[in-house]
């Protein structure tokens, strides 16, 4: 009888205090957000939160003044969804950009980071900035002085394609190169 009483007390204690309560969170207002990545992918990226201050810095940043802009001289570099790492197929394009800049020491370049329409404006401005900086870092690794490369993020504000398809979104996930003439 004592064993039964002891087991009943232990069971009652565990049942009363051992079970975790689930916290119910009310869904926030429907607002498009970037899809969640698997945890192993998230761990590989630097932990960087996009704050209002960072967004303000990106929004305040203007295209550097230049005599003339030459756009379309180089192919765009494209990125995978929600990524900013340089893919193998982008390396020949970046090599041709670096070769041009090394041969033309007076030229400067502007790298425009762009995203597809999915996700918030703030998130896409940050992602576009990381894409432009990844392209800049690759060019500097090829010998181009970083002082000759400017970056800007347009987020999702300058799409090449406006259809709501994966093929279209893939065209918008890019770094675009603009040669700045007349600025030394």
N, C-alpha and C. Protein backbone atom coordinates (compact mmCIF):
# COMPACT_ATOMS: atom_id res chain seq x y z
N UNK A 1 0.82 -1.18 0.00
CA UNK A 1 0.00 0.00 0.00
C UNK A 1 0.86 1.25 0.00
N UNK A 2 1.97 1.22 0.76
CA UNK A 2 2.87 2.38 0.81
C UNK A 2 3.49 2.62 -0.57
N UNK A 3 3.83 1.51 -1.26
CA UNK A 3 4.43 1.67 -2.58
C UNK A 3 3.45 2.35 -3.53
N UNK A 4 2.19 1.95 -3.45
CA UNK A 4 1.16 2.54 -4.29
C UNK A 4 1.00 4.02 -3.98
N UNK A 5 1.01 4.39 -2.72
CA UNK A 5 0.86 5.78 -2.30
C UNK A 5 2.05 6.61 -2.77
N UNK A 6 3.26 6.06 -2.64
CA UNK A 6 4.47 6.76 -3.07
C UNK A 6 4.44 6.96 -4.59
N UNK A 7 4.07 5.92 -5.33
CA UNK A 7 4.00 6.03 -6.79
C UNK A 7 2.94 7.04 -7.21
N UNK A 8 1.83 7.07 -6.51
CA UNK A 8 0.77 8.02 -6.83
C UNK A 8 1.23 9.45 -6.59
N UNK A 9 1.97 9.69 -5.51
CA UNK A 9 2.48 11.03 -5.20
C UNK A 9 3.51 11.45 -6.26
N UNK A 10 4.40 10.53 -6.61
CA UNK A 10 5.43 10.84 -7.62
C UNK A 10 4.77 11.12 -8.97
N UNK A 11 3.82 10.27 -9.33
CA UNK A 11 3.13 10.46 -10.60
C UNK A 11 2.37 11.79 -10.60
N UNK A 12 1.72 12.12 -9.53
CA UNK A 12 0.99 13.38 -9.42
C UNK A 12 1.93 14.57 -9.52
N UNK A 13 3.10 14.45 -8.86
CA UNK A 13 4.09 15.52 -8.91
C UNK A 13 4.59 15.72 -10.35
N UNK A 14 4.93 14.62 -11.01
CA UNK A 14 5.44 14.71 -12.38
C UNK A 14 4.37 15.24 -13.33
N UNK A 15 3.15 14.80 -13.14
CA UNK A 15 2.07 15.25 -14.02
C UNK A 15 1.78 16.73 -13.83
N UNK A 16 1.88 17.21 -12.60
CA UNK A 16 1.55 18.60 -12.32
C UNK A 16 2.66 19.57 -12.69
N UNK A 17 3.91 19.16 -12.49
CA UNK A 17 5.00 20.10 -12.70
C UNK A 17 5.94 19.71 -13.83
N UNK A 18 5.86 18.51 -14.30
CA UNK A 18 6.80 18.05 -15.31
C UNK A 18 6.41 18.38 -16.73
N UNK A 19 5.17 18.65 -16.98
CA UNK A 19 4.73 18.93 -18.35
C UNK A 19 4.92 20.39 -18.68
N UNK A 20 5.53 20.64 -19.80
CA UNK A 20 5.71 22.03 -20.23
C UNK A 20 4.42 22.52 -20.85
N UNK A 21 4.12 23.75 -20.61
CA UNK A 21 2.94 24.34 -21.22
C UNK A 21 3.32 24.97 -22.55
N UNK A 22 2.47 24.77 -23.52
CA UNK A 22 2.72 25.37 -24.83
C UNK A 22 2.27 26.81 -24.81
N UNK A 23 3.11 27.66 -25.36
CA UNK A 23 2.79 29.07 -25.43
C UNK A 23 2.16 29.34 -26.79
N UNK A 24 0.97 29.87 -26.79
CA UNK A 24 0.27 30.17 -28.03
C UNK A 24 0.56 31.61 -28.39
N UNK A 25 1.07 31.81 -29.61
CA UNK A 25 1.40 33.14 -30.08
C UNK A 25 0.41 33.52 -31.16
N UNK A 26 -0.20 34.68 -31.01
CA UNK A 26 -1.15 35.15 -32.01
C UNK A 26 -0.40 35.54 -33.27
N UNK A 27 -0.91 35.16 -34.44
CA UNK A 27 -0.22 35.55 -35.68
C UNK A 27 -0.26 37.06 -35.85
N UNK A 28 0.87 37.59 -36.31
CA UNK A 28 0.95 39.03 -36.55
C UNK A 28 0.24 39.36 -37.84
N UNK A 29 0.15 40.62 -38.12
CA UNK A 29 -0.51 41.07 -39.36
C UNK A 29 0.17 40.40 -40.55
N UNK A 30 -0.62 40.05 -41.52
CA UNK A 30 -0.10 39.38 -42.71
C UNK A 30 0.83 40.33 -43.44
N UNK A 31 2.09 39.99 -43.44
CA UNK A 31 3.08 40.81 -44.10
C UNK A 31 4.07 39.86 -44.74
N UNK A 32 4.45 40.07 -46.00
CA UNK A 32 5.37 39.13 -46.64
C UNK A 32 6.71 39.16 -45.94
N UNK A 33 7.22 38.01 -45.66
CA UNK A 33 8.54 37.90 -45.06
C UNK A 33 9.33 36.89 -45.85
N UNK A 34 10.63 36.91 -45.65
CA UNK A 34 11.48 35.96 -46.34
C UNK A 34 11.25 34.58 -45.75
N UNK A 35 11.21 33.55 -46.58
CA UNK A 35 11.00 32.20 -46.08
C UNK A 35 12.10 31.79 -45.11
N UNK A 36 11.75 30.98 -44.14
CA UNK A 36 12.72 30.51 -43.17
C UNK A 36 13.62 29.48 -43.83
N UNK A 37 14.89 29.50 -43.46
CA UNK A 37 15.84 28.55 -43.97
C UNK A 37 16.01 27.44 -42.94
N UNK A 38 16.47 26.28 -43.38
CA UNK A 38 16.80 25.24 -42.41
C UNK A 38 17.86 25.74 -41.44
N UNK A 39 17.86 25.20 -40.22
CA UNK A 39 18.77 25.69 -39.19
C UNK A 39 20.23 25.54 -39.58
N UNK A 40 20.59 24.47 -40.32
CA UNK A 40 21.99 24.31 -40.69
C UNK A 40 22.43 25.40 -41.64
N UNK A 41 21.53 25.92 -42.48
CA UNK A 41 21.88 27.01 -43.39
C UNK A 41 22.00 28.32 -42.61
N UNK A 42 21.12 28.52 -41.65
CA UNK A 42 21.18 29.74 -40.86
C UNK A 42 22.48 29.81 -40.07
N UNK A 43 22.96 28.71 -39.57
CA UNK A 43 24.17 28.72 -38.77
C UNK A 43 25.38 29.10 -39.61
N UNK A 44 25.34 28.84 -40.91
CA UNK A 44 26.48 29.13 -41.76
C UNK A 44 26.61 30.61 -42.06
N UNK A 45 25.53 31.37 -41.95
CA UNK A 45 25.57 32.79 -42.24
C UNK A 45 25.92 33.57 -40.99
N UNK A 46 26.56 34.73 -41.16
CA UNK A 46 26.85 35.53 -39.98
C UNK A 46 25.55 36.03 -39.37
N UNK A 47 25.54 36.08 -38.05
CA UNK A 47 24.33 36.55 -37.38
C UNK A 47 24.28 38.07 -37.48
N UNK A 48 23.42 38.53 -38.34
CA UNK A 48 23.31 39.96 -38.59
C UNK A 48 21.85 40.33 -38.61
N UNK A 49 21.46 41.22 -37.72
CA UNK A 49 20.09 41.68 -37.70
C UNK A 49 20.03 43.00 -38.45
N UNK A 50 18.99 43.15 -39.22
CA UNK A 50 18.81 44.38 -39.97
C UNK A 50 17.98 45.31 -39.11
N UNK A 51 18.61 46.38 -38.67
CA UNK A 51 17.93 47.33 -37.82
C UNK A 51 17.48 48.52 -38.64
N UNK A 52 16.62 49.35 -38.03
CA UNK A 52 16.17 50.55 -38.73
C UNK A 52 17.34 51.45 -39.07
N UNK A 53 18.35 51.46 -38.20
CA UNK A 53 19.53 52.30 -38.44
C UNK A 53 20.27 51.83 -39.70
N UNK A 54 20.43 50.52 -39.87
CA UNK A 54 21.10 50.00 -41.05
C UNK A 54 20.29 50.29 -42.31
N UNK A 55 18.98 50.15 -42.21
CA UNK A 55 18.11 50.44 -43.36
C UNK A 55 18.24 51.92 -43.72
N UNK A 56 18.26 52.78 -42.73
CA UNK A 56 18.38 54.22 -42.99
C UNK A 56 19.70 54.52 -43.69
N UNK A 57 20.78 53.84 -43.28
CA UNK A 57 22.07 54.06 -43.94
C UNK A 57 22.01 53.67 -45.40
N UNK A 58 21.37 52.54 -45.69
CA UNK A 58 21.26 52.08 -47.07
C UNK A 58 20.37 53.03 -47.87
N UNK A 59 19.25 53.46 -47.27
CA UNK A 59 18.32 54.35 -47.98
C UNK A 59 18.94 55.72 -48.24
N UNK A 60 19.78 56.21 -47.31
CA UNK A 60 20.40 57.52 -47.47
C UNK A 60 21.52 57.50 -48.49
N UNK A 61 22.09 56.34 -48.71
CA UNK A 61 23.22 56.23 -49.62
C UNK A 61 22.78 56.56 -51.03
N UNK A 62 23.45 57.48 -51.65
CA UNK A 62 23.09 57.87 -53.01
C UNK A 62 24.13 57.33 -53.98
N UNK A 63 23.72 57.24 -55.22
CA UNK A 63 24.66 56.84 -56.25
C UNK A 63 25.72 57.92 -56.34
N UNK A 64 27.00 57.52 -56.31
CA UNK A 64 28.06 58.52 -56.38
C UNK A 64 27.93 59.36 -57.65
N UNK A 65 28.18 60.65 -57.51
CA UNK A 65 28.08 61.50 -58.69
C UNK A 65 29.22 61.18 -59.64
N UNK A 66 28.91 61.16 -60.90
CA UNK A 66 29.90 60.84 -61.91
C UNK A 66 29.55 61.58 -63.18
N UNK A 67 30.55 61.73 -64.05
CA UNK A 67 30.31 62.41 -65.31
C UNK A 67 29.31 61.65 -66.16
N UNK A 68 29.57 60.38 -66.39
CA UNK A 68 28.71 59.58 -67.24
C UNK A 68 28.73 58.14 -66.72
N UNK A 69 27.58 57.51 -66.73
CA UNK A 69 27.49 56.12 -66.30
C UNK A 69 27.34 55.24 -67.53
N UNK A 70 28.13 54.18 -67.59
CA UNK A 70 28.04 53.23 -68.68
C UNK A 70 27.53 51.93 -68.08
N UNK A 71 26.28 51.61 -68.38
CA UNK A 71 25.66 50.40 -67.85
C UNK A 71 25.57 49.36 -68.96
N UNK A 72 25.58 48.11 -68.59
CA UNK A 72 25.43 47.04 -69.57
C UNK A 72 26.72 46.61 -70.23
N UNK A 73 27.83 47.11 -69.75
CA UNK A 73 29.11 46.73 -70.32
C UNK A 73 29.48 45.30 -69.91
N UNK A 74 29.02 44.89 -68.74
CA UNK A 74 29.29 43.55 -68.23
C UNK A 74 27.99 42.83 -67.92
N UNK A 75 28.03 41.51 -67.98
CA UNK A 75 26.87 40.72 -67.60
C UNK A 75 26.62 40.89 -66.10
N UNK A 76 25.38 40.69 -65.71
CA UNK A 76 25.06 40.69 -64.29
C UNK A 76 25.50 39.37 -63.67
N UNK A 77 25.80 39.42 -62.39
CA UNK A 77 26.12 38.23 -61.61
C UNK A 77 24.85 37.85 -60.86
N UNK A 78 24.42 36.60 -60.97
CA UNK A 78 23.17 36.17 -60.34
C UNK A 78 23.42 35.34 -59.09
N UNK A 79 22.44 35.35 -58.20
CA UNK A 79 22.54 34.68 -56.91
C UNK A 79 21.37 33.73 -56.73
N UNK A 80 21.58 32.73 -55.89
CA UNK A 80 20.50 31.82 -55.52
C UNK A 80 19.56 32.53 -54.55
N UNK A 81 18.38 31.97 -54.37
CA UNK A 81 17.38 32.55 -53.48
C UNK A 81 17.94 32.69 -52.07
N UNK A 82 17.83 33.90 -51.53
CA UNK A 82 18.21 34.21 -50.15
C UNK A 82 19.69 33.95 -49.88
N UNK A 83 20.53 34.07 -50.91
CA UNK A 83 21.97 33.84 -50.77
C UNK A 83 22.73 35.05 -51.30
N UNK A 84 23.98 35.15 -50.87
CA UNK A 84 24.83 36.21 -51.38
C UNK A 84 26.24 35.70 -51.66
N UNK A 85 26.41 34.38 -51.76
CA UNK A 85 27.72 33.84 -52.08
C UNK A 85 27.92 33.82 -53.59
N UNK A 86 29.17 33.99 -54.00
CA UNK A 86 29.52 34.04 -55.42
C UNK A 86 29.53 32.61 -55.96
N UNK A 87 28.73 32.39 -57.01
CA UNK A 87 28.65 31.06 -57.62
C UNK A 87 29.77 30.91 -58.66
N UNK A 88 30.07 29.67 -59.01
CA UNK A 88 31.13 29.39 -59.97
C UNK A 88 30.88 30.04 -61.33
N UNK A 89 29.62 30.09 -61.77
CA UNK A 89 29.35 30.67 -63.08
C UNK A 89 29.50 32.19 -63.09
N UNK A 90 29.61 32.82 -61.92
CA UNK A 90 29.80 34.27 -61.84
C UNK A 90 31.27 34.66 -61.88
N UNK A 91 32.15 33.73 -61.59
CA UNK A 91 33.58 34.05 -61.49
C UNK A 91 34.19 34.55 -62.80
N UNK A 92 33.85 33.99 -63.97
CA UNK A 92 34.40 34.54 -65.21
C UNK A 92 33.94 35.98 -65.47
N UNK A 93 32.70 36.30 -65.11
CA UNK A 93 32.19 37.66 -65.28
C UNK A 93 32.98 38.61 -64.38
N UNK A 94 33.17 38.23 -63.14
CA UNK A 94 33.92 39.07 -62.21
C UNK A 94 35.38 39.20 -62.63
N UNK A 95 35.93 38.16 -63.21
CA UNK A 95 37.31 38.22 -63.72
C UNK A 95 37.41 39.23 -64.85
N UNK A 96 36.41 39.27 -65.75
CA UNK A 96 36.45 40.24 -66.85
C UNK A 96 36.29 41.67 -66.32
N UNK A 97 35.48 41.85 -65.29
CA UNK A 97 35.34 43.17 -64.66
C UNK A 97 36.67 43.59 -64.04
N UNK A 98 37.31 42.68 -63.33
CA UNK A 98 38.59 43.03 -62.70
C UNK A 98 39.67 43.31 -63.74
N UNK A 99 39.71 42.52 -64.82
CA UNK A 99 40.69 42.77 -65.89
C UNK A 99 40.50 44.17 -66.48
N UNK A 100 39.25 44.54 -66.72
CA UNK A 100 38.96 45.87 -67.26
C UNK A 100 39.43 46.96 -66.31
N UNK A 101 39.10 46.82 -65.04
CA UNK A 101 39.46 47.85 -64.06
C UNK A 101 40.97 47.94 -63.85
N UNK A 102 41.66 46.82 -63.92
CA UNK A 102 43.11 46.85 -63.76
C UNK A 102 43.76 47.52 -64.96
N UNK A 103 43.25 47.27 -66.18
CA UNK A 103 43.79 47.89 -67.39
C UNK A 103 43.43 49.37 -67.48
N UNK A 104 42.31 49.77 -66.90
CA UNK A 104 41.83 51.15 -66.96
C UNK A 104 41.84 51.73 -65.55
N UNK A 105 43.02 52.14 -65.12
CA UNK A 105 43.24 52.53 -63.72
C UNK A 105 42.44 53.77 -63.31
N UNK A 106 41.97 54.57 -64.25
CA UNK A 106 41.22 55.78 -63.90
C UNK A 106 39.73 55.50 -63.71
N UNK A 107 39.28 54.31 -64.07
CA UNK A 107 37.86 53.98 -64.01
C UNK A 107 37.44 53.54 -62.61
N UNK A 108 36.20 53.87 -62.30
CA UNK A 108 35.57 53.41 -61.06
C UNK A 108 34.33 52.61 -61.45
N UNK A 109 33.86 51.81 -60.53
CA UNK A 109 32.68 51.00 -60.81
C UNK A 109 31.71 51.08 -59.64
N UNK A 110 30.44 51.00 -59.98
CA UNK A 110 29.38 50.94 -58.98
C UNK A 110 28.73 49.57 -59.11
N UNK A 111 28.64 48.85 -58.00
CA UNK A 111 27.97 47.55 -58.00
C UNK A 111 26.63 47.73 -57.32
N UNK A 112 25.56 47.42 -58.07
CA UNK A 112 24.19 47.56 -57.56
C UNK A 112 23.68 46.19 -57.14
N UNK A 113 23.33 46.04 -55.86
CA UNK A 113 22.79 44.79 -55.35
C UNK A 113 21.27 44.79 -55.48
N UNK A 114 20.72 43.72 -56.04
CA UNK A 114 19.28 43.63 -56.28
C UNK A 114 18.73 42.30 -55.79
N UNK A 115 17.42 42.28 -55.51
CA UNK A 115 16.73 41.09 -55.01
C UNK A 115 15.43 40.89 -55.78
N UNK A 116 14.81 39.73 -55.55
CA UNK A 116 13.49 39.53 -56.12
C UNK A 116 12.44 40.15 -55.19
N UNK A 117 11.19 40.06 -55.56
CA UNK A 117 10.13 40.78 -54.86
C UNK A 117 9.71 40.14 -53.54
N UNK A 118 10.16 38.93 -53.26
CA UNK A 118 9.75 38.24 -52.04
C UNK A 118 10.51 38.79 -50.84
N UNK A 119 9.85 38.90 -49.72
CA UNK A 119 10.47 39.42 -48.51
C UNK A 119 10.16 40.89 -48.33
N UNK A 120 10.48 41.40 -47.15
CA UNK A 120 10.20 42.80 -46.85
C UNK A 120 11.22 43.71 -47.53
N UNK A 121 10.88 44.96 -47.65
CA UNK A 121 11.82 45.93 -48.24
C UNK A 121 13.10 46.01 -47.43
N UNK A 122 12.95 46.03 -46.10
CA UNK A 122 14.12 46.13 -45.23
C UNK A 122 15.05 44.93 -45.40
N UNK A 123 14.44 43.75 -45.42
CA UNK A 123 15.24 42.53 -45.58
C UNK A 123 15.97 42.55 -46.92
N UNK A 124 15.27 42.90 -47.99
CA UNK A 124 15.86 42.89 -49.32
C UNK A 124 16.93 43.97 -49.49
N UNK A 125 16.78 45.11 -48.82
CA UNK A 125 17.84 46.11 -48.87
C UNK A 125 19.12 45.56 -48.24
N UNK A 126 18.99 44.87 -47.14
CA UNK A 126 20.15 44.27 -46.49
C UNK A 126 20.77 43.17 -47.34
N UNK A 127 19.94 42.32 -47.93
CA UNK A 127 20.44 41.24 -48.77
C UNK A 127 21.10 41.79 -50.03
N UNK A 128 20.51 42.81 -50.63
CA UNK A 128 21.11 43.44 -51.81
C UNK A 128 22.47 44.05 -51.48
N UNK A 129 22.57 44.63 -50.29
CA UNK A 129 23.84 45.20 -49.83
C UNK A 129 24.89 44.10 -49.68
N UNK A 130 24.51 42.97 -49.09
CA UNK A 130 25.46 41.86 -48.93
C UNK A 130 25.88 41.29 -50.29
N UNK A 131 24.96 41.26 -51.25
CA UNK A 131 25.31 40.77 -52.58
C UNK A 131 26.31 41.70 -53.27
N UNK A 132 26.07 42.99 -53.18
CA UNK A 132 26.99 43.96 -53.79
C UNK A 132 28.37 43.87 -53.12
N UNK A 133 28.38 43.73 -51.80
CA UNK A 133 29.66 43.64 -51.08
C UNK A 133 30.38 42.33 -51.38
N UNK A 134 29.64 41.24 -51.60
CA UNK A 134 30.28 39.98 -51.97
C UNK A 134 30.99 40.11 -53.32
N UNK A 135 30.34 40.78 -54.26
CA UNK A 135 30.96 41.01 -55.57
C UNK A 135 32.18 41.92 -55.42
N UNK A 136 32.07 42.95 -54.59
CA UNK A 136 33.20 43.85 -54.34
C UNK A 136 34.36 43.09 -53.72
N UNK A 137 34.08 42.27 -52.72
CA UNK A 137 35.14 41.50 -52.06
C UNK A 137 35.84 40.58 -53.05
N UNK A 138 35.08 39.98 -53.96
CA UNK A 138 35.69 39.09 -54.94
C UNK A 138 36.59 39.90 -55.89
N UNK A 139 36.14 41.07 -56.31
CA UNK A 139 36.97 41.91 -57.19
C UNK A 139 38.24 42.36 -56.48
N UNK A 140 38.15 42.71 -55.21
CA UNK A 140 39.37 43.11 -54.49
C UNK A 140 40.31 41.93 -54.32
N UNK A 141 39.77 40.71 -54.21
CA UNK A 141 40.64 39.53 -54.12
C UNK A 141 41.38 39.28 -55.44
N UNK A 142 40.85 39.84 -56.54
CA UNK A 142 41.50 39.72 -57.85
C UNK A 142 42.46 40.88 -58.13
N UNK A 143 42.62 41.79 -57.17
CA UNK A 143 43.60 42.86 -57.32
C UNK A 143 43.05 44.24 -57.59
N UNK A 144 41.76 44.42 -57.60
CA UNK A 144 41.17 45.75 -57.82
C UNK A 144 41.14 46.48 -56.48
N UNK A 145 41.69 47.70 -56.41
CA UNK A 145 41.64 48.44 -55.14
C UNK A 145 40.19 48.73 -54.73
N UNK A 146 39.88 48.50 -53.48
CA UNK A 146 38.50 48.70 -53.01
C UNK A 146 38.07 50.16 -53.10
N UNK A 147 39.03 51.08 -53.12
CA UNK A 147 38.69 52.50 -53.22
C UNK A 147 38.09 52.86 -54.58
N UNK A 148 38.21 51.98 -55.55
CA UNK A 148 37.65 52.23 -56.89
C UNK A 148 36.32 51.55 -57.11
N UNK A 149 35.77 50.94 -56.05
CA UNK A 149 34.52 50.21 -56.17
C UNK A 149 33.52 50.76 -55.15
N UNK A 150 32.38 51.23 -55.65
CA UNK A 150 31.30 51.68 -54.78
C UNK A 150 30.18 50.65 -54.85
N UNK A 151 29.41 50.55 -53.78
CA UNK A 151 28.27 49.62 -53.77
C UNK A 151 27.02 50.35 -53.33
N UNK A 152 25.90 49.85 -53.79
CA UNK A 152 24.59 50.37 -53.37
C UNK A 152 23.60 49.21 -53.46
N UNK A 153 22.61 49.23 -52.60
CA UNK A 153 21.56 48.22 -52.64
C UNK A 153 20.26 48.87 -53.07
N UNK A 154 19.60 48.24 -54.02
CA UNK A 154 18.27 48.68 -54.41
C UNK A 154 17.21 47.72 -53.90
N UNK A 155 17.63 46.64 -53.23
CA UNK A 155 16.67 45.68 -52.73
C UNK A 155 15.81 45.16 -53.86
N UNK A 156 14.50 45.30 -53.71
CA UNK A 156 13.58 44.83 -54.75
C UNK A 156 13.02 45.98 -55.58
N UNK A 157 13.61 47.15 -55.50
CA UNK A 157 13.06 48.36 -56.12
C UNK A 157 13.36 48.51 -57.60
N UNK A 158 14.33 47.77 -58.16
CA UNK A 158 14.67 47.89 -59.58
C UNK A 158 14.64 46.53 -60.26
N UNK A 159 13.46 45.93 -60.38
CA UNK A 159 13.40 44.60 -61.00
C UNK A 159 13.59 44.66 -62.51
N UNK A 160 14.24 43.64 -63.06
CA UNK A 160 14.34 43.51 -64.52
C UNK A 160 13.07 42.89 -65.07
N UNK A 161 12.46 42.02 -64.29
CA UNK A 161 11.29 41.26 -64.72
C UNK A 161 10.23 41.39 -63.63
N UNK A 162 8.97 41.55 -64.04
CA UNK A 162 7.90 41.76 -63.06
C UNK A 162 6.89 40.63 -63.00
N UNK A 163 7.15 39.53 -63.69
CA UNK A 163 6.26 38.38 -63.60
C UNK A 163 6.47 37.70 -62.24
N UNK A 164 5.50 36.95 -61.81
CA UNK A 164 5.58 36.27 -60.52
C UNK A 164 5.93 34.80 -60.71
N UNK A 165 7.10 34.57 -61.34
CA UNK A 165 7.56 33.20 -61.60
C UNK A 165 8.99 33.05 -61.11
N UNK A 166 9.40 31.81 -60.90
CA UNK A 166 10.77 31.55 -60.43
C UNK A 166 11.80 32.04 -61.44
N UNK A 167 11.54 31.84 -62.74
CA UNK A 167 12.49 32.30 -63.76
C UNK A 167 12.67 33.81 -63.70
N UNK A 168 11.59 34.51 -63.50
CA UNK A 168 11.64 35.96 -63.40
C UNK A 168 12.38 36.39 -62.14
N UNK A 169 12.04 35.77 -61.03
CA UNK A 169 12.70 36.11 -59.76
C UNK A 169 14.21 35.87 -59.85
N UNK A 170 14.61 34.80 -60.55
CA UNK A 170 16.03 34.49 -60.69
C UNK A 170 16.76 35.61 -61.44
N UNK A 171 16.10 36.24 -62.40
CA UNK A 171 16.72 37.34 -63.14
C UNK A 171 16.93 38.57 -62.25
N UNK A 172 16.07 38.74 -61.26
CA UNK A 172 16.15 39.92 -60.39
C UNK A 172 17.16 39.78 -59.25
N UNK A 173 17.57 38.57 -58.94
CA UNK A 173 18.56 38.33 -57.87
C UNK A 173 19.94 38.49 -58.47
N UNK A 174 20.47 39.73 -58.42
CA UNK A 174 21.68 40.00 -59.18
C UNK A 174 22.52 41.12 -58.58
N UNK A 175 23.76 41.16 -59.06
CA UNK A 175 24.63 42.33 -58.86
C UNK A 175 24.85 42.90 -60.26
N UNK A 176 24.59 44.17 -60.40
CA UNK A 176 24.70 44.86 -61.69
C UNK A 176 25.88 45.81 -61.63
N UNK A 177 26.64 45.91 -62.72
CA UNK A 177 27.86 46.71 -62.75
C UNK A 177 27.67 47.94 -63.62
N UNK A 178 28.04 49.10 -63.08
CA UNK A 178 27.95 50.36 -63.80
C UNK A 178 29.34 51.01 -63.75
N UNK A 179 29.91 51.27 -64.92
CA UNK A 179 31.20 51.97 -64.99
C UNK A 179 30.93 53.45 -64.80
N UNK A 180 31.65 54.07 -63.90
CA UNK A 180 31.51 55.50 -63.63
C UNK A 180 32.63 56.23 -64.35
N UNK A 181 32.29 56.98 -65.36
CA UNK A 181 33.29 57.73 -66.14
C UNK A 181 33.41 59.14 -65.61
N UNK A 182 34.57 59.71 -65.77
CA UNK A 182 34.77 61.11 -65.40
C UNK A 182 35.06 61.34 -63.93
N UNK A 183 35.20 60.29 -63.16
CA UNK A 183 35.49 60.43 -61.73
C UNK A 183 36.80 59.74 -61.44
N UNK A 184 37.67 60.45 -60.76
CA UNK A 184 38.98 59.85 -60.46
C UNK A 184 39.17 59.69 -58.99
